[in-house]
Amino acid sequence: MSTIYVFQAEVPALGEVPASDDVFLLYDTSAGRTKSVTAALAGGAGGTVTAGTTAAAFSNNGITTAQTSAGAFSLTAPDRAGLEKTILFPASTGIRTVTPAGATILGSTINPGAATVITVTGTSDTVSASVTLVSSSTSVWYRKAHAGPVVSS
């Protein structure tokens, strides 16, 4: 069995955050060969934190904080399997809904077969809620975890 080139023994460490166009060496197990991936693409898997606004379209990975007032949000369909998306809902007295655009959310708290909307109904003393989704394809999100009063239907 062959091994990939042992670069870590011969080259110095970067010592800083890589630039978006820096390239990593990657062994693609499905293709059985070595490939390269940019830091920007690899970093995208880690997610980013963004804030939500009224009728906001949440990106398909990363972390999004929804606004505290009532709002209807949409979640972009995943563009590949293995993405994680966490939506944070601060305490609120309003109802916030998240509807996936072009995808399905499975594994809801009420109907595990076919959830299409995530609803959070806040009250003045409700603590923050969150839901973490993971994609299995370009058309399906699964609920991985949730905390607080997240209700899906």
N, C-alpha and C. Protein backbone atom coordinates (compact mmCIF):
# COMPACT_ATOMS: atom_id res chain seq x y z
N MET A 1 0.84 -1.17 0.00
CA MET A 1 0.00 0.00 0.00
C MET A 1 0.88 1.23 0.00
N SER A 2 0.61 2.18 -0.85
CA SER A 2 1.40 3.40 -0.90
C SER A 2 0.86 4.44 0.07
N THR A 3 1.70 5.39 0.40
CA THR A 3 1.29 6.49 1.27
C THR A 3 1.47 7.80 0.53
N ILE A 4 0.82 8.85 1.01
CA ILE A 4 0.98 10.14 0.37
C ILE A 4 2.30 10.77 0.81
N TYR A 5 2.76 11.74 0.07
CA TYR A 5 4.00 12.45 0.34
C TYR A 5 4.02 12.98 1.77
N VAL A 6 5.12 12.78 2.48
CA VAL A 6 5.26 13.20 3.87
C VAL A 6 5.79 14.63 3.91
N PHE A 7 4.94 15.60 3.59
CA PHE A 7 5.38 16.99 3.48
C PHE A 7 5.66 17.61 4.85
N GLN A 8 4.97 17.18 5.91
CA GLN A 8 5.14 17.82 7.22
C GLN A 8 6.55 17.65 7.79
N ALA A 9 7.31 16.69 7.30
CA ALA A 9 8.67 16.48 7.78
C ALA A 9 9.68 17.34 7.03
N GLU A 10 9.29 17.94 5.90
CA GLU A 10 10.24 18.65 5.06
C GLU A 10 9.99 20.14 4.88
N VAL A 11 8.81 20.62 5.24
CA VAL A 11 8.50 22.04 5.03
C VAL A 11 8.17 22.71 6.35
N PRO A 12 8.44 24.03 6.47
CA PRO A 12 8.15 24.72 7.72
C PRO A 12 6.65 24.94 7.91
N ALA A 13 6.25 25.11 9.17
CA ALA A 13 4.85 25.40 9.49
C ALA A 13 4.52 26.83 9.10
N LEU A 14 3.28 27.10 8.75
CA LEU A 14 2.85 28.42 8.33
C LEU A 14 2.90 29.42 9.48
N GLY A 15 2.39 29.04 10.65
CA GLY A 15 2.48 29.89 11.83
C GLY A 15 1.47 31.03 11.87
N GLU A 16 0.49 31.04 10.97
CA GLU A 16 -0.54 32.08 10.95
C GLU A 16 -1.77 31.52 10.25
N VAL A 17 -2.86 32.29 10.27
CA VAL A 17 -4.07 31.85 9.59
C VAL A 17 -3.80 31.85 8.09
N PRO A 18 -4.13 30.76 7.40
CA PRO A 18 -3.87 30.72 5.95
C PRO A 18 -4.75 31.71 5.18
N ALA A 19 -4.20 32.22 4.08
CA ALA A 19 -4.97 33.09 3.20
C ALA A 19 -5.99 32.25 2.44
N SER A 20 -7.07 32.87 1.96
CA SER A 20 -8.14 32.12 1.31
C SER A 20 -7.67 31.36 0.07
N ASP A 21 -6.60 31.85 -0.58
CA ASP A 21 -6.12 31.17 -1.78
C ASP A 21 -4.96 30.21 -1.50
N ASP A 22 -4.56 30.04 -0.23
CA ASP A 22 -3.57 29.03 0.12
C ASP A 22 -4.17 27.65 -0.16
N VAL A 23 -3.30 26.66 -0.41
CA VAL A 23 -3.76 25.34 -0.82
C VAL A 23 -3.31 24.29 0.18
N PHE A 24 -4.23 23.39 0.52
CA PHE A 24 -3.94 22.25 1.38
C PHE A 24 -3.83 20.99 0.54
N LEU A 25 -3.02 20.05 1.00
CA LEU A 25 -2.94 18.73 0.39
C LEU A 25 -4.01 17.86 1.03
N LEU A 26 -4.73 17.12 0.21
CA LEU A 26 -5.85 16.33 0.69
C LEU A 26 -5.85 14.98 -0.03
N TYR A 27 -6.09 13.92 0.72
CA TYR A 27 -6.22 12.61 0.10
C TYR A 27 -7.70 12.30 -0.03
N ASP A 28 -8.21 12.23 -1.24
CA ASP A 28 -9.61 11.95 -1.53
C ASP A 28 -9.79 10.44 -1.52
N THR A 29 -10.40 9.93 -0.44
CA THR A 29 -10.54 8.48 -0.31
C THR A 29 -11.49 7.90 -1.35
N SER A 30 -12.50 8.66 -1.77
CA SER A 30 -13.43 8.11 -2.76
C SER A 30 -12.78 8.00 -4.14
N ALA A 31 -11.86 8.92 -4.46
CA ALA A 31 -11.17 8.87 -5.75
C ALA A 31 -9.88 8.06 -5.67
N GLY A 32 -9.37 7.86 -4.45
CA GLY A 32 -8.13 7.11 -4.27
C GLY A 32 -6.90 7.86 -4.74
N ARG A 33 -6.93 9.20 -4.64
CA ARG A 33 -5.78 9.98 -5.08
C ARG A 33 -5.66 11.28 -4.30
N THR A 34 -4.49 11.87 -4.39
CA THR A 34 -4.22 13.13 -3.72
C THR A 34 -4.77 14.29 -4.55
N LYS A 35 -5.39 15.24 -3.85
CA LYS A 35 -5.94 16.44 -4.50
C LYS A 35 -5.57 17.65 -3.65
N SER A 36 -5.90 18.83 -4.15
CA SER A 36 -5.68 20.04 -3.37
C SER A 36 -7.01 20.72 -3.10
N VAL A 37 -7.07 21.50 -2.04
CA VAL A 37 -8.26 22.26 -1.68
C VAL A 37 -7.81 23.61 -1.14
N THR A 38 -8.50 24.68 -1.51
CA THR A 38 -8.11 26.00 -1.02
C THR A 38 -8.56 26.17 0.43
N ALA A 39 -7.89 27.08 1.13
CA ALA A 39 -8.24 27.38 2.51
C ALA A 39 -9.66 27.94 2.58
N ALA A 40 -10.07 28.70 1.56
CA ALA A 40 -11.42 29.25 1.55
C ALA A 40 -12.48 28.16 1.53
N LEU A 41 -12.27 27.14 0.70
CA LEU A 41 -13.24 26.05 0.61
C LEU A 41 -13.23 25.22 1.89
N ALA A 42 -12.06 24.92 2.42
CA ALA A 42 -11.97 24.15 3.66
C ALA A 42 -12.56 24.95 4.82
N GLY A 43 -12.32 26.25 4.84
CA GLY A 43 -12.84 27.10 5.91
C GLY A 43 -14.34 27.21 5.88
N GLY A 44 -14.93 27.10 4.69
CA GLY A 44 -16.37 27.18 4.56
C GLY A 44 -17.08 26.07 5.31
N ALA A 45 -16.44 24.94 5.47
CA ALA A 45 -17.03 23.84 6.20
C ALA A 45 -17.14 24.14 7.68
N GLY A 46 -16.30 25.06 8.17
CA GLY A 46 -16.32 25.42 9.58
C GLY A 46 -17.44 26.38 9.92
N GLY A 47 -17.96 27.09 8.95
CA GLY A 47 -19.08 27.96 9.18
C GLY A 47 -18.68 29.36 9.59
N THR A 48 -19.62 30.26 9.48
CA THR A 48 -19.42 31.64 9.86
C THR A 48 -20.62 32.09 10.68
N VAL A 49 -20.46 33.16 11.39
CA VAL A 49 -21.54 33.72 12.18
C VAL A 49 -22.09 34.92 11.44
N THR A 50 -23.39 34.92 11.19
CA THR A 50 -24.04 36.05 10.55
C THR A 50 -25.29 36.41 11.34
N ALA A 51 -25.81 37.59 11.14
CA ALA A 51 -27.03 38.01 11.82
C ALA A 51 -28.20 37.92 10.86
N GLY A 52 -29.38 37.65 11.38
CA GLY A 52 -30.55 37.56 10.55
C GLY A 52 -31.29 38.89 10.51
N THR A 53 -32.07 39.08 9.48
CA THR A 53 -32.93 40.26 9.36
C THR A 53 -34.30 39.79 8.90
N THR A 54 -35.24 40.70 8.87
CA THR A 54 -36.59 40.34 8.43
C THR A 54 -36.53 39.70 7.05
N ALA A 55 -37.22 38.58 6.90
CA ALA A 55 -37.26 37.83 5.64
C ALA A 55 -35.87 37.46 5.14
N ALA A 56 -34.94 37.25 6.05
CA ALA A 56 -33.57 36.91 5.67
C ALA A 56 -33.49 35.52 5.09
N ALA A 57 -32.60 35.35 4.13
CA ALA A 57 -32.29 34.02 3.61
C ALA A 57 -31.00 33.59 4.29
N PHE A 58 -31.06 32.56 5.11
CA PHE A 58 -29.89 32.06 5.82
C PHE A 58 -29.07 31.20 4.86
N SER A 59 -27.75 31.39 4.88
CA SER A 59 -26.89 30.57 4.05
C SER A 59 -26.95 29.13 4.51
N ASN A 60 -26.45 28.21 3.69
CA ASN A 60 -26.66 26.79 3.97
C ASN A 60 -25.63 26.16 4.89
N ASN A 61 -24.73 26.92 5.44
CA ASN A 61 -23.85 26.37 6.47
C ASN A 61 -23.44 27.49 7.42
N GLY A 62 -22.77 27.17 8.49
CA GLY A 62 -22.35 28.18 9.44
C GLY A 62 -23.34 28.37 10.56
N ILE A 63 -23.25 29.54 11.20
CA ILE A 63 -24.09 29.87 12.34
C ILE A 63 -24.78 31.19 12.04
N THR A 64 -26.07 31.24 12.24
CA THR A 64 -26.83 32.46 12.02
C THR A 64 -27.60 32.81 13.28
N THR A 65 -27.55 34.06 13.68
CA THR A 65 -28.35 34.55 14.80
C THR A 65 -29.56 35.27 14.26
N ALA A 66 -30.73 34.76 14.56
CA ALA A 66 -31.96 35.40 14.09
C ALA A 66 -32.23 36.65 14.90
N GLN A 67 -33.00 37.56 14.35
CA GLN A 67 -33.35 38.76 15.10
C GLN A 67 -34.27 38.41 16.25
N THR A 68 -34.40 39.33 17.21
CA THR A 68 -35.22 39.04 18.39
C THR A 68 -36.70 39.25 18.14
N SER A 69 -37.08 40.07 17.16
CA SER A 69 -38.50 40.28 16.89
C SER A 69 -39.03 39.19 15.96
N ALA A 70 -40.34 39.18 15.80
CA ALA A 70 -40.98 38.18 14.95
C ALA A 70 -40.44 38.28 13.54
N GLY A 71 -40.31 37.15 12.87
CA GLY A 71 -39.79 37.18 11.52
C GLY A 71 -39.98 35.86 10.81
N ALA A 72 -40.06 35.92 9.49
CA ALA A 72 -40.12 34.73 8.65
C ALA A 72 -38.81 34.64 7.90
N PHE A 73 -38.11 33.55 8.09
CA PHE A 73 -36.79 33.37 7.50
C PHE A 73 -36.83 32.19 6.53
N SER A 74 -35.90 32.17 5.59
CA SER A 74 -35.77 31.02 4.71
C SER A 74 -34.36 30.46 4.83
N LEU A 75 -34.23 29.18 4.63
CA LEU A 75 -32.94 28.50 4.71
C LEU A 75 -32.60 27.96 3.33
N THR A 76 -31.48 28.38 2.79
CA THR A 76 -31.06 27.92 1.46
C THR A 76 -30.84 26.41 1.49
N ALA A 77 -31.12 25.76 0.39
CA ALA A 77 -30.89 24.33 0.28
C ALA A 77 -29.39 24.06 0.35
N PRO A 78 -29.00 22.94 0.96
CA PRO A 78 -27.57 22.62 1.03
C PRO A 78 -27.00 22.36 -0.36
N ASP A 79 -25.73 22.73 -0.56
CA ASP A 79 -25.12 22.49 -1.87
C ASP A 79 -24.28 21.23 -1.89
N ARG A 80 -24.18 20.55 -0.75
CA ARG A 80 -23.48 19.26 -0.69
C ARG A 80 -23.81 18.59 0.63
N ALA A 81 -23.54 17.31 0.74
CA ALA A 81 -23.77 16.57 1.97
C ALA A 81 -22.73 16.95 3.01
N GLY A 82 -23.08 16.83 4.28
CA GLY A 82 -22.14 17.04 5.37
C GLY A 82 -22.06 18.46 5.90
N LEU A 83 -22.87 19.38 5.38
CA LEU A 83 -22.87 20.74 5.90
C LEU A 83 -23.61 20.79 7.23
N GLU A 84 -23.17 21.67 8.13
CA GLU A 84 -23.89 21.89 9.36
C GLU A 84 -24.34 23.33 9.41
N LYS A 85 -25.56 23.55 9.88
CA LYS A 85 -26.13 24.89 10.01
C LYS A 85 -26.74 24.99 11.38
N THR A 86 -26.31 25.99 12.16
CA THR A 86 -26.90 26.24 13.47
C THR A 86 -27.59 27.59 13.43
N ILE A 87 -28.83 27.61 13.85
CA ILE A 87 -29.60 28.85 13.91
C ILE A 87 -29.87 29.15 15.38
N LEU A 88 -29.45 30.33 15.82
CA LEU A 88 -29.66 30.77 17.20
C LEU A 88 -30.86 31.70 17.24
N PHE A 89 -31.76 31.47 18.18
CA PHE A 89 -32.93 32.32 18.36
C PHE A 89 -32.84 32.99 19.72
N PRO A 90 -32.53 34.28 19.76
CA PRO A 90 -32.50 34.99 21.05
C PRO A 90 -33.90 35.04 21.66
N ALA A 91 -33.98 35.31 22.96
CA ALA A 91 -35.27 35.42 23.63
C ALA A 91 -36.12 36.47 22.93
N SER A 92 -37.41 36.19 22.79
CA SER A 92 -38.28 37.08 22.02
C SER A 92 -39.72 36.83 22.40
N THR A 93 -40.56 37.83 22.16
CA THR A 93 -41.99 37.63 22.36
C THR A 93 -42.68 37.34 21.03
N GLY A 94 -41.93 37.25 19.95
CA GLY A 94 -42.53 37.02 18.64
C GLY A 94 -42.34 35.61 18.15
N ILE A 95 -43.08 35.25 17.11
CA ILE A 95 -42.96 33.93 16.48
C ILE A 95 -41.98 34.06 15.32
N ARG A 96 -41.00 33.18 15.29
CA ARG A 96 -40.04 33.15 14.19
C ARG A 96 -40.18 31.81 13.48
N THR A 97 -40.23 31.83 12.17
CA THR A 97 -40.32 30.60 11.39
C THR A 97 -39.17 30.55 10.40
N VAL A 98 -38.68 29.34 10.16
CA VAL A 98 -37.64 29.11 9.17
C VAL A 98 -38.16 28.06 8.20
N THR A 99 -38.22 28.42 6.93
CA THR A 99 -38.71 27.52 5.89
C THR A 99 -37.56 27.21 4.95
N PRO A 100 -37.26 25.93 4.70
CA PRO A 100 -36.19 25.61 3.77
C PRO A 100 -36.60 25.90 2.33
N ALA A 101 -35.70 26.49 1.58
CA ALA A 101 -35.95 26.77 0.17
C ALA A 101 -35.41 25.63 -0.67
N GLY A 102 -36.27 24.87 -1.28
CA GLY A 102 -35.84 23.79 -2.16
C GLY A 102 -35.31 22.56 -1.45
N ALA A 103 -35.54 22.44 -0.15
CA ALA A 103 -35.05 21.28 0.59
C ALA A 103 -36.12 20.85 1.59
N THR A 104 -35.88 19.75 2.26
CA THR A 104 -36.77 19.23 3.29
C THR A 104 -35.99 19.14 4.58
N ILE A 105 -36.65 19.39 5.70
CA ILE A 105 -36.03 19.19 7.01
C ILE A 105 -36.69 17.98 7.64
N LEU A 106 -35.89 16.97 7.97
CA LEU A 106 -36.40 15.75 8.59
C LEU A 106 -35.95 15.67 10.04
N GLY A 107 -36.62 14.83 10.81
CA GLY A 107 -36.23 14.64 12.20
C GLY A 107 -36.70 15.75 13.10
N SER A 108 -37.87 16.31 12.81
CA SER A 108 -38.38 17.39 13.63
C SER A 108 -38.85 16.86 14.98
N THR A 109 -39.17 17.76 15.88
CA THR A 109 -39.60 17.34 17.21
C THR A 109 -41.03 16.82 17.21
N ILE A 110 -41.82 17.16 16.18
CA ILE A 110 -43.21 16.72 16.15
C ILE A 110 -43.46 15.66 15.10
N ASN A 111 -43.04 15.91 13.89
CA ASN A 111 -43.32 15.00 12.78
C ASN A 111 -42.02 14.55 12.13
N PRO A 112 -41.43 13.45 12.57
CA PRO A 112 -40.15 13.03 12.03
C PRO A 112 -40.17 12.71 10.54
N GLY A 113 -41.34 12.57 9.94
CA GLY A 113 -41.40 12.18 8.54
C GLY A 113 -41.22 13.28 7.53
N ALA A 114 -41.70 14.48 7.82
CA ALA A 114 -41.68 15.48 6.75
C ALA A 114 -41.80 16.91 7.26
N ALA A 115 -40.92 17.34 8.09
CA ALA A 115 -40.99 18.71 8.58
C ALA A 115 -40.61 19.66 7.46
N THR A 116 -41.33 20.74 7.36
CA THR A 116 -40.99 21.73 6.35
C THR A 116 -40.75 23.10 6.95
N VAL A 117 -41.15 23.33 8.19
CA VAL A 117 -40.99 24.63 8.83
C VAL A 117 -40.51 24.43 10.25
N ILE A 118 -39.56 25.25 10.68
CA ILE A 118 -39.14 25.29 12.08
C ILE A 118 -39.78 26.53 12.69
N THR A 119 -40.51 26.37 13.76
CA THR A 119 -41.20 27.48 14.40
C THR A 119 -40.72 27.64 15.83
N VAL A 120 -40.40 28.86 16.21
CA VAL A 120 -40.04 29.17 17.59
C VAL A 120 -41.02 30.23 18.07
N THR A 121 -41.81 29.88 19.07
CA THR A 121 -42.76 30.83 19.64
C THR A 121 -42.20 31.30 20.97
N GLY A 122 -41.82 32.54 21.02
CA GLY A 122 -41.21 33.08 22.23
C GLY A 122 -42.21 33.72 23.15
N THR A 123 -41.85 33.78 24.41
CA THR A 123 -42.60 34.55 25.40
C THR A 123 -41.60 35.43 26.11
N SER A 124 -42.08 36.34 26.91
CA SER A 124 -41.17 37.30 27.53
C SER A 124 -40.14 36.63 28.44
N ASP A 125 -40.46 35.44 28.96
CA ASP A 125 -39.50 34.78 29.84
C ASP A 125 -38.85 33.55 29.20
N THR A 126 -39.00 33.41 27.90
CA THR A 126 -38.41 32.28 27.20
C THR A 126 -36.90 32.47 27.05
N VAL A 127 -36.16 31.44 27.34
CA VAL A 127 -34.71 31.51 27.12
C VAL A 127 -34.42 31.34 25.63
N SER A 128 -33.22 31.61 25.24
CA SER A 128 -32.83 31.45 23.85
C SER A 128 -33.02 30.01 23.39
N ALA A 129 -33.25 29.84 22.12
CA ALA A 129 -33.38 28.52 21.52
C ALA A 129 -32.38 28.41 20.39
N SER A 130 -32.05 27.17 20.01
CA SER A 130 -31.17 26.94 18.87
C SER A 130 -31.53 25.61 18.24
N VAL A 131 -31.22 25.51 16.95
CA VAL A 131 -31.40 24.25 16.25
C VAL A 131 -30.18 24.05 15.35
N THR A 132 -29.65 22.84 15.33
CA THR A 132 -28.52 22.51 14.46
C THR A 132 -29.00 21.47 13.45
N LEU A 133 -28.75 21.78 12.18
CA LEU A 133 -29.14 20.90 11.08
C LEU A 133 -27.89 20.39 10.39
N VAL A 134 -27.97 19.21 9.81
CA VAL A 134 -26.88 18.67 9.01
C VAL A 134 -27.47 18.16 7.70
N SER A 135 -26.75 18.39 6.59
CA SER A 135 -27.28 17.97 5.29
C SER A 135 -26.81 16.57 4.93
N SER A 136 -27.72 15.82 4.29
CA SER A 136 -27.36 14.48 3.82
C SER A 136 -27.22 14.47 2.31
N SER A 137 -27.66 15.54 1.67
CA SER A 137 -27.59 15.66 0.22
C SER A 137 -27.84 17.12 -0.13
N THR A 138 -28.13 17.38 -1.40
CA THR A 138 -28.44 18.75 -1.80
C THR A 138 -29.92 19.07 -1.62
N SER A 139 -30.68 18.16 -1.05
CA SER A 139 -32.11 18.43 -0.91
C SER A 139 -32.67 18.10 0.47
N VAL A 140 -31.85 17.59 1.38
CA VAL A 140 -32.37 17.18 2.69
C VAL A 140 -31.50 17.69 3.83
N TRP A 141 -32.15 18.34 4.79
CA TRP A 141 -31.54 18.69 6.07
C TRP A 141 -32.10 17.73 7.12
N TYR A 142 -31.27 17.33 8.09
CA TYR A 142 -31.73 16.56 9.24
C TYR A 142 -31.47 17.37 10.49
N ARG A 143 -32.39 17.30 11.43
CA ARG A 143 -32.18 17.98 12.70
C ARG A 143 -31.18 17.16 13.52
N LYS A 144 -30.05 17.76 13.84
CA LYS A 144 -29.02 17.09 14.60
C LYS A 144 -29.24 17.30 16.10
N ALA A 145 -29.59 18.52 16.46
CA ALA A 145 -29.79 18.84 17.87
C ALA A 145 -30.61 20.11 17.99
N HIS A 146 -31.23 20.29 19.14
CA HIS A 146 -31.87 21.55 19.42
C HIS A 146 -31.90 21.79 20.92
N ALA A 147 -32.01 23.06 21.29
CA ALA A 147 -32.11 23.45 22.69
C ALA A 147 -33.15 24.53 22.81
N GLY A 148 -33.92 24.51 23.87
CA GLY A 148 -34.93 25.53 24.06
C GLY A 148 -36.22 25.17 23.34
N PRO A 149 -37.13 26.13 23.24
CA PRO A 149 -38.48 25.86 22.72
C PRO A 149 -38.57 25.85 21.20
N VAL A 150 -37.82 24.97 20.55
CA VAL A 150 -37.90 24.83 19.10
C VAL A 150 -39.00 23.84 18.78
N VAL A 151 -39.94 24.27 17.95
CA VAL A 151 -41.06 23.40 17.56
C VAL A 151 -41.08 23.35 16.05
N SER A 152 -41.04 22.17 15.47
CA SER A 152 -41.12 22.02 14.01
C SER A 152 -42.43 21.42 13.62
N SER A 153 -42.90 21.79 12.46
CA SER A 153 -44.14 21.19 11.99
C SER A 153 -44.09 21.03 10.48
